[in-house]
Amino acid sequence: MDDTRLGEQTDLLDKEELEEPPLYKVLLHNDDYTTMEFVVEILEEIFHKTPAEATAIMLNVHNKGVGVCGVYPAEIAETKIDQVHNRARKAGFPLLATMELV
């Protein structure tokens, strides 16, 4: 193999290695049963939001029907959604979390 082709392959590998994974917004959806306090708790504990940030997001969920909790690569977003659903079910709430490509 000549040096030119090796250089081209190395350039391709470098570009592939530098490519960022797609990001997803994790969304919480409003319902008529989940308490505001529980939503704030979820935002603080799972999404590591400050009390002020958690309250602002909770108010978006309450007033607009949906709120953005954060932006993550797919696997992290899926894990956080699973954590929300597990905690909500254990507490007896139907809180829904979804993800949407940024």
N, C-alpha and C. Protein backbone atom coordinates (compact mmCIF):
# COMPACT_ATOMS: atom_id res chain seq x y z
N MET A 1 0.86 -1.18 0.00
CA MET A 1 0.00 0.00 0.00
C MET A 1 0.90 1.23 0.00
N ASP A 2 0.53 2.23 -0.80
CA ASP A 2 1.38 3.42 -0.85
C ASP A 2 1.02 4.38 0.29
N ASP A 3 1.92 5.31 0.57
CA ASP A 3 1.75 6.25 1.69
C ASP A 3 0.54 7.16 1.51
N THR A 4 0.17 7.47 0.28
CA THR A 4 -0.96 8.36 0.03
C THR A 4 -2.26 7.74 0.56
N ARG A 5 -2.49 6.49 0.27
CA ARG A 5 -3.72 5.82 0.72
C ARG A 5 -3.73 5.69 2.24
N LEU A 6 -2.61 5.43 2.85
CA LEU A 6 -2.52 5.33 4.30
C LEU A 6 -2.87 6.67 4.93
N GLY A 7 -2.40 7.76 4.37
CA GLY A 7 -2.73 9.09 4.86
C GLY A 7 -4.21 9.38 4.74
N GLU A 8 -4.82 8.95 3.63
CA GLU A 8 -6.26 9.15 3.45
C GLU A 8 -7.04 8.37 4.49
N GLN A 9 -6.64 7.15 4.77
CA GLN A 9 -7.33 6.33 5.77
C GLN A 9 -7.20 6.97 7.15
N THR A 10 -6.03 7.47 7.47
CA THR A 10 -5.82 8.12 8.76
C THR A 10 -6.69 9.35 8.89
N ASP A 11 -6.80 10.14 7.81
CA ASP A 11 -7.66 11.32 7.83
C ASP A 11 -9.11 10.93 8.08
N LEU A 12 -9.57 9.85 7.43
CA LEU A 12 -10.95 9.40 7.62
C LEU A 12 -11.18 8.95 9.06
N LEU A 13 -10.24 8.23 9.62
CA LEU A 13 -10.37 7.77 11.01
C LEU A 13 -10.42 8.96 11.96
N ASP A 14 -9.58 9.96 11.73
CA ASP A 14 -9.57 11.13 12.59
C ASP A 14 -10.92 11.84 12.55
N LYS A 15 -11.50 11.96 11.37
CA LYS A 15 -12.80 12.63 11.25
C LYS A 15 -13.89 11.84 11.95
N GLU A 16 -13.86 10.50 11.81
CA GLU A 16 -14.85 9.67 12.47
C GLU A 16 -14.73 9.75 13.99
N GLU A 17 -13.51 9.76 14.48
CA GLU A 17 -13.29 9.81 15.92
C GLU A 17 -13.75 11.14 16.52
N LEU A 18 -13.70 12.20 15.75
CA LEU A 18 -14.06 13.51 16.25
C LEU A 18 -15.54 13.81 16.15
N GLU A 19 -16.29 12.98 15.45
CA GLU A 19 -17.71 13.22 15.25
C GLU A 19 -18.46 13.05 16.58
N GLU A 20 -19.23 14.08 16.94
CA GLU A 20 -20.00 14.05 18.18
C GLU A 20 -21.25 13.20 18.00
N PRO A 21 -21.69 12.51 19.06
CA PRO A 21 -22.93 11.74 18.95
C PRO A 21 -24.12 12.68 18.89
N PRO A 22 -25.23 12.23 18.30
CA PRO A 22 -26.42 13.08 18.27
C PRO A 22 -26.93 13.31 19.70
N LEU A 23 -27.51 14.48 19.92
CA LEU A 23 -28.02 14.84 21.24
C LEU A 23 -29.54 14.84 21.24
N TYR A 24 -30.09 14.54 22.42
CA TYR A 24 -31.53 14.47 22.59
C TYR A 24 -31.97 15.30 23.78
N LYS A 25 -33.09 16.00 23.62
CA LYS A 25 -33.71 16.72 24.74
C LYS A 25 -34.53 15.70 25.51
N VAL A 26 -34.41 15.72 26.84
CA VAL A 26 -35.30 14.92 27.68
C VAL A 26 -36.42 15.85 28.13
N LEU A 27 -37.65 15.41 27.88
CA LEU A 27 -38.83 16.23 28.17
C LEU A 27 -39.69 15.57 29.24
N LEU A 28 -40.25 16.38 30.12
CA LEU A 28 -41.27 15.93 31.06
C LEU A 28 -42.60 16.49 30.57
N HIS A 29 -43.66 15.66 30.67
CA HIS A 29 -44.98 16.05 30.20
C HIS A 29 -45.94 16.22 31.37
N ASN A 30 -46.79 17.21 31.26
CA ASN A 30 -47.77 17.49 32.30
C ASN A 30 -48.85 16.41 32.35
N ASP A 31 -49.34 16.15 33.54
CA ASP A 31 -50.51 15.29 33.73
C ASP A 31 -51.31 15.86 34.90
N ASP A 32 -52.47 15.30 35.14
CA ASP A 32 -53.34 15.83 36.19
C ASP A 32 -53.12 15.20 37.55
N TYR A 33 -52.11 14.34 37.69
CA TYR A 33 -51.94 13.59 38.94
C TYR A 33 -50.60 13.80 39.63
N THR A 34 -49.53 13.91 38.87
CA THR A 34 -48.20 14.06 39.47
C THR A 34 -48.09 15.42 40.15
N THR A 35 -47.63 15.42 41.39
CA THR A 35 -47.54 16.68 42.14
C THR A 35 -46.36 17.52 41.66
N MET A 36 -46.49 18.81 41.84
CA MET A 36 -45.40 19.73 41.49
C MET A 36 -44.17 19.43 42.33
N GLU A 37 -44.38 19.09 43.58
CA GLU A 37 -43.27 18.79 44.48
C GLU A 37 -42.48 17.58 43.99
N PHE A 38 -43.20 16.56 43.50
CA PHE A 38 -42.53 15.36 43.01
C PHE A 38 -41.71 15.69 41.76
N VAL A 39 -42.25 16.50 40.87
CA VAL A 39 -41.53 16.89 39.65
C VAL A 39 -40.25 17.64 40.02
N VAL A 40 -40.33 18.55 40.98
CA VAL A 40 -39.14 19.28 41.43
C VAL A 40 -38.11 18.30 42.00
N GLU A 41 -38.57 17.35 42.79
CA GLU A 41 -37.68 16.35 43.37
C GLU A 41 -36.97 15.55 42.28
N ILE A 42 -37.71 15.13 41.27
CA ILE A 42 -37.13 14.38 40.12
C ILE A 42 -36.07 15.23 39.43
N LEU A 43 -36.39 16.48 39.20
CA LEU A 43 -35.45 17.37 38.50
C LEU A 43 -34.18 17.60 39.30
N GLU A 44 -34.30 17.71 40.60
CA GLU A 44 -33.12 17.91 41.45
C GLU A 44 -32.28 16.63 41.55
N GLU A 45 -32.93 15.50 41.72
CA GLU A 45 -32.21 14.26 42.00
C GLU A 45 -31.71 13.53 40.76
N ILE A 46 -32.51 13.49 39.72
CA ILE A 46 -32.10 12.75 38.51
C ILE A 46 -31.35 13.65 37.54
N PHE A 47 -31.81 14.91 37.42
CA PHE A 47 -31.21 15.81 36.44
C PHE A 47 -30.24 16.81 37.08
N HIS A 48 -30.04 16.72 38.40
CA HIS A 48 -29.08 17.54 39.13
C HIS A 48 -29.29 19.04 38.93
N LYS A 49 -30.56 19.44 38.96
CA LYS A 49 -30.91 20.86 38.83
C LYS A 49 -30.93 21.50 40.22
N THR A 50 -30.63 22.79 40.26
CA THR A 50 -30.74 23.53 41.52
C THR A 50 -32.23 23.68 41.83
N PRO A 51 -32.58 24.00 43.08
CA PRO A 51 -34.00 24.21 43.38
C PRO A 51 -34.65 25.27 42.48
N ALA A 52 -33.93 26.34 42.17
CA ALA A 52 -34.49 27.39 41.30
C ALA A 52 -34.69 26.87 39.88
N GLU A 53 -33.70 26.15 39.34
CA GLU A 53 -33.83 25.59 37.99
C GLU A 53 -34.98 24.57 37.94
N ALA A 54 -35.05 23.71 38.96
CA ALA A 54 -36.08 22.68 39.00
C ALA A 54 -37.47 23.31 39.06
N THR A 55 -37.62 24.36 39.84
CA THR A 55 -38.90 25.04 39.94
C THR A 55 -39.29 25.68 38.61
N ALA A 56 -38.34 26.30 37.93
CA ALA A 56 -38.62 26.93 36.64
C ALA A 56 -39.05 25.88 35.60
N ILE A 57 -38.37 24.75 35.56
CA ILE A 57 -38.73 23.69 34.61
C ILE A 57 -40.10 23.12 34.96
N MET A 58 -40.34 22.89 36.25
CA MET A 58 -41.64 22.36 36.69
C MET A 58 -42.76 23.30 36.27
N LEU A 59 -42.55 24.61 36.38
CA LEU A 59 -43.57 25.57 35.98
C LEU A 59 -43.81 25.53 34.47
N ASN A 60 -42.76 25.31 33.68
CA ASN A 60 -42.94 25.11 32.24
C ASN A 60 -43.79 23.88 31.96
N VAL A 61 -43.49 22.80 32.66
CA VAL A 61 -44.27 21.57 32.50
C VAL A 61 -45.74 21.85 32.84
N HIS A 62 -45.96 22.53 33.95
CA HIS A 62 -47.31 22.80 34.42
C HIS A 62 -48.06 23.76 33.49
N ASN A 63 -47.41 24.83 33.09
CA ASN A 63 -48.08 25.87 32.31
C ASN A 63 -48.12 25.62 30.80
N LYS A 64 -47.07 24.99 30.27
CA LYS A 64 -46.98 24.80 28.82
C LYS A 64 -47.23 23.36 28.39
N GLY A 65 -47.33 22.46 29.37
CA GLY A 65 -47.59 21.06 29.06
C GLY A 65 -46.35 20.21 28.90
N VAL A 66 -45.19 20.86 28.78
CA VAL A 66 -43.94 20.13 28.60
C VAL A 66 -42.78 21.01 29.05
N GLY A 67 -41.71 20.39 29.54
CA GLY A 67 -40.52 21.13 29.94
C GLY A 67 -39.27 20.34 29.61
N VAL A 68 -38.22 21.04 29.23
CA VAL A 68 -36.94 20.41 28.88
C VAL A 68 -36.11 20.26 30.16
N CYS A 69 -35.69 19.02 30.43
CA CYS A 69 -34.89 18.71 31.62
C CYS A 69 -33.40 18.81 31.36
N GLY A 70 -33.00 18.56 30.12
CA GLY A 70 -31.59 18.59 29.77
C GLY A 70 -31.39 18.01 28.38
N VAL A 71 -30.15 18.08 27.90
CA VAL A 71 -29.78 17.58 26.58
C VAL A 71 -28.62 16.61 26.76
N TYR A 72 -28.78 15.39 26.21
CA TYR A 72 -27.82 14.32 26.45
C TYR A 72 -27.67 13.44 25.22
N PRO A 73 -26.56 12.67 25.16
CA PRO A 73 -26.46 11.62 24.15
C PRO A 73 -27.58 10.59 24.41
N ALA A 74 -27.91 9.80 23.39
CA ALA A 74 -29.06 8.89 23.45
C ALA A 74 -29.05 7.96 24.67
N GLU A 75 -27.95 7.29 24.96
CA GLU A 75 -27.92 6.33 26.06
C GLU A 75 -28.16 6.99 27.41
N ILE A 76 -27.62 8.16 27.60
CA ILE A 76 -27.83 8.88 28.87
C ILE A 76 -29.27 9.35 28.96
N ALA A 77 -29.81 9.86 27.87
CA ALA A 77 -31.21 10.30 27.85
C ALA A 77 -32.14 9.13 28.17
N GLU A 78 -31.89 7.97 27.57
CA GLU A 78 -32.72 6.79 27.83
C GLU A 78 -32.64 6.36 29.28
N THR A 79 -31.45 6.40 29.85
CA THR A 79 -31.27 6.02 31.25
C THR A 79 -32.03 6.96 32.17
N LYS A 80 -31.95 8.25 31.91
CA LYS A 80 -32.66 9.23 32.74
C LYS A 80 -34.17 9.05 32.63
N ILE A 81 -34.66 8.77 31.43
CA ILE A 81 -36.09 8.52 31.24
C ILE A 81 -36.52 7.29 32.04
N ASP A 82 -35.73 6.23 31.98
CA ASP A 82 -36.04 5.02 32.76
C ASP A 82 -36.07 5.33 34.26
N GLN A 83 -35.12 6.13 34.73
CA GLN A 83 -35.09 6.50 36.14
C GLN A 83 -36.34 7.28 36.54
N VAL A 84 -36.75 8.22 35.68
CA VAL A 84 -37.96 9.01 35.95
C VAL A 84 -39.16 8.07 36.04
N HIS A 85 -39.33 7.21 35.06
CA HIS A 85 -40.49 6.31 35.03
C HIS A 85 -40.49 5.37 36.23
N ASN A 86 -39.35 4.82 36.58
CA ASN A 86 -39.28 3.91 37.73
C ASN A 86 -39.64 4.63 39.03
N ARG A 87 -39.07 5.81 39.24
CA ARG A 87 -39.39 6.58 40.46
C ARG A 87 -40.85 6.98 40.49
N ALA A 88 -41.38 7.41 39.35
CA ALA A 88 -42.78 7.85 39.29
C ALA A 88 -43.72 6.68 39.58
N ARG A 89 -43.47 5.53 38.99
CA ARG A 89 -44.35 4.38 39.22
C ARG A 89 -44.33 3.95 40.68
N LYS A 90 -43.13 3.94 41.26
CA LYS A 90 -43.02 3.56 42.68
C LYS A 90 -43.80 4.52 43.56
N ALA A 91 -43.86 5.79 43.17
CA ALA A 91 -44.58 6.80 43.95
C ALA A 91 -46.06 6.86 43.57
N GLY A 92 -46.46 6.09 42.56
CA GLY A 92 -47.86 6.06 42.15
C GLY A 92 -48.27 7.18 41.22
N PHE A 93 -47.30 7.75 40.49
CA PHE A 93 -47.60 8.85 39.56
C PHE A 93 -47.41 8.38 38.11
N PRO A 94 -48.22 8.93 37.19
CA PRO A 94 -48.09 8.58 35.77
C PRO A 94 -47.15 9.50 34.98
N LEU A 95 -46.19 10.12 35.64
CA LEU A 95 -45.30 11.09 35.00
C LEU A 95 -44.66 10.49 33.76
N LEU A 96 -44.73 11.22 32.65
CA LEU A 96 -44.17 10.77 31.38
C LEU A 96 -42.95 11.61 31.01
N ALA A 97 -41.88 10.90 30.67
CA ALA A 97 -40.67 11.54 30.14
C ALA A 97 -40.42 10.96 28.76
N THR A 98 -40.00 11.82 27.84
CA THR A 98 -39.68 11.37 26.48
C THR A 98 -38.39 12.05 26.04
N MET A 99 -37.90 11.64 24.87
CA MET A 99 -36.71 12.27 24.31
C MET A 99 -36.99 12.67 22.87
N GLU A 100 -36.32 13.75 22.47
CA GLU A 100 -36.53 14.31 21.14
C GLU A 100 -35.17 14.76 20.61
N LEU A 101 -34.88 14.40 19.37
CA LEU A 101 -33.62 14.77 18.74
C LEU A 101 -33.50 16.29 18.70
N VAL A 102 -32.33 16.79 19.07
CA VAL A 102 -32.11 18.25 19.07
C VAL A 102 -31.96 18.73 17.65
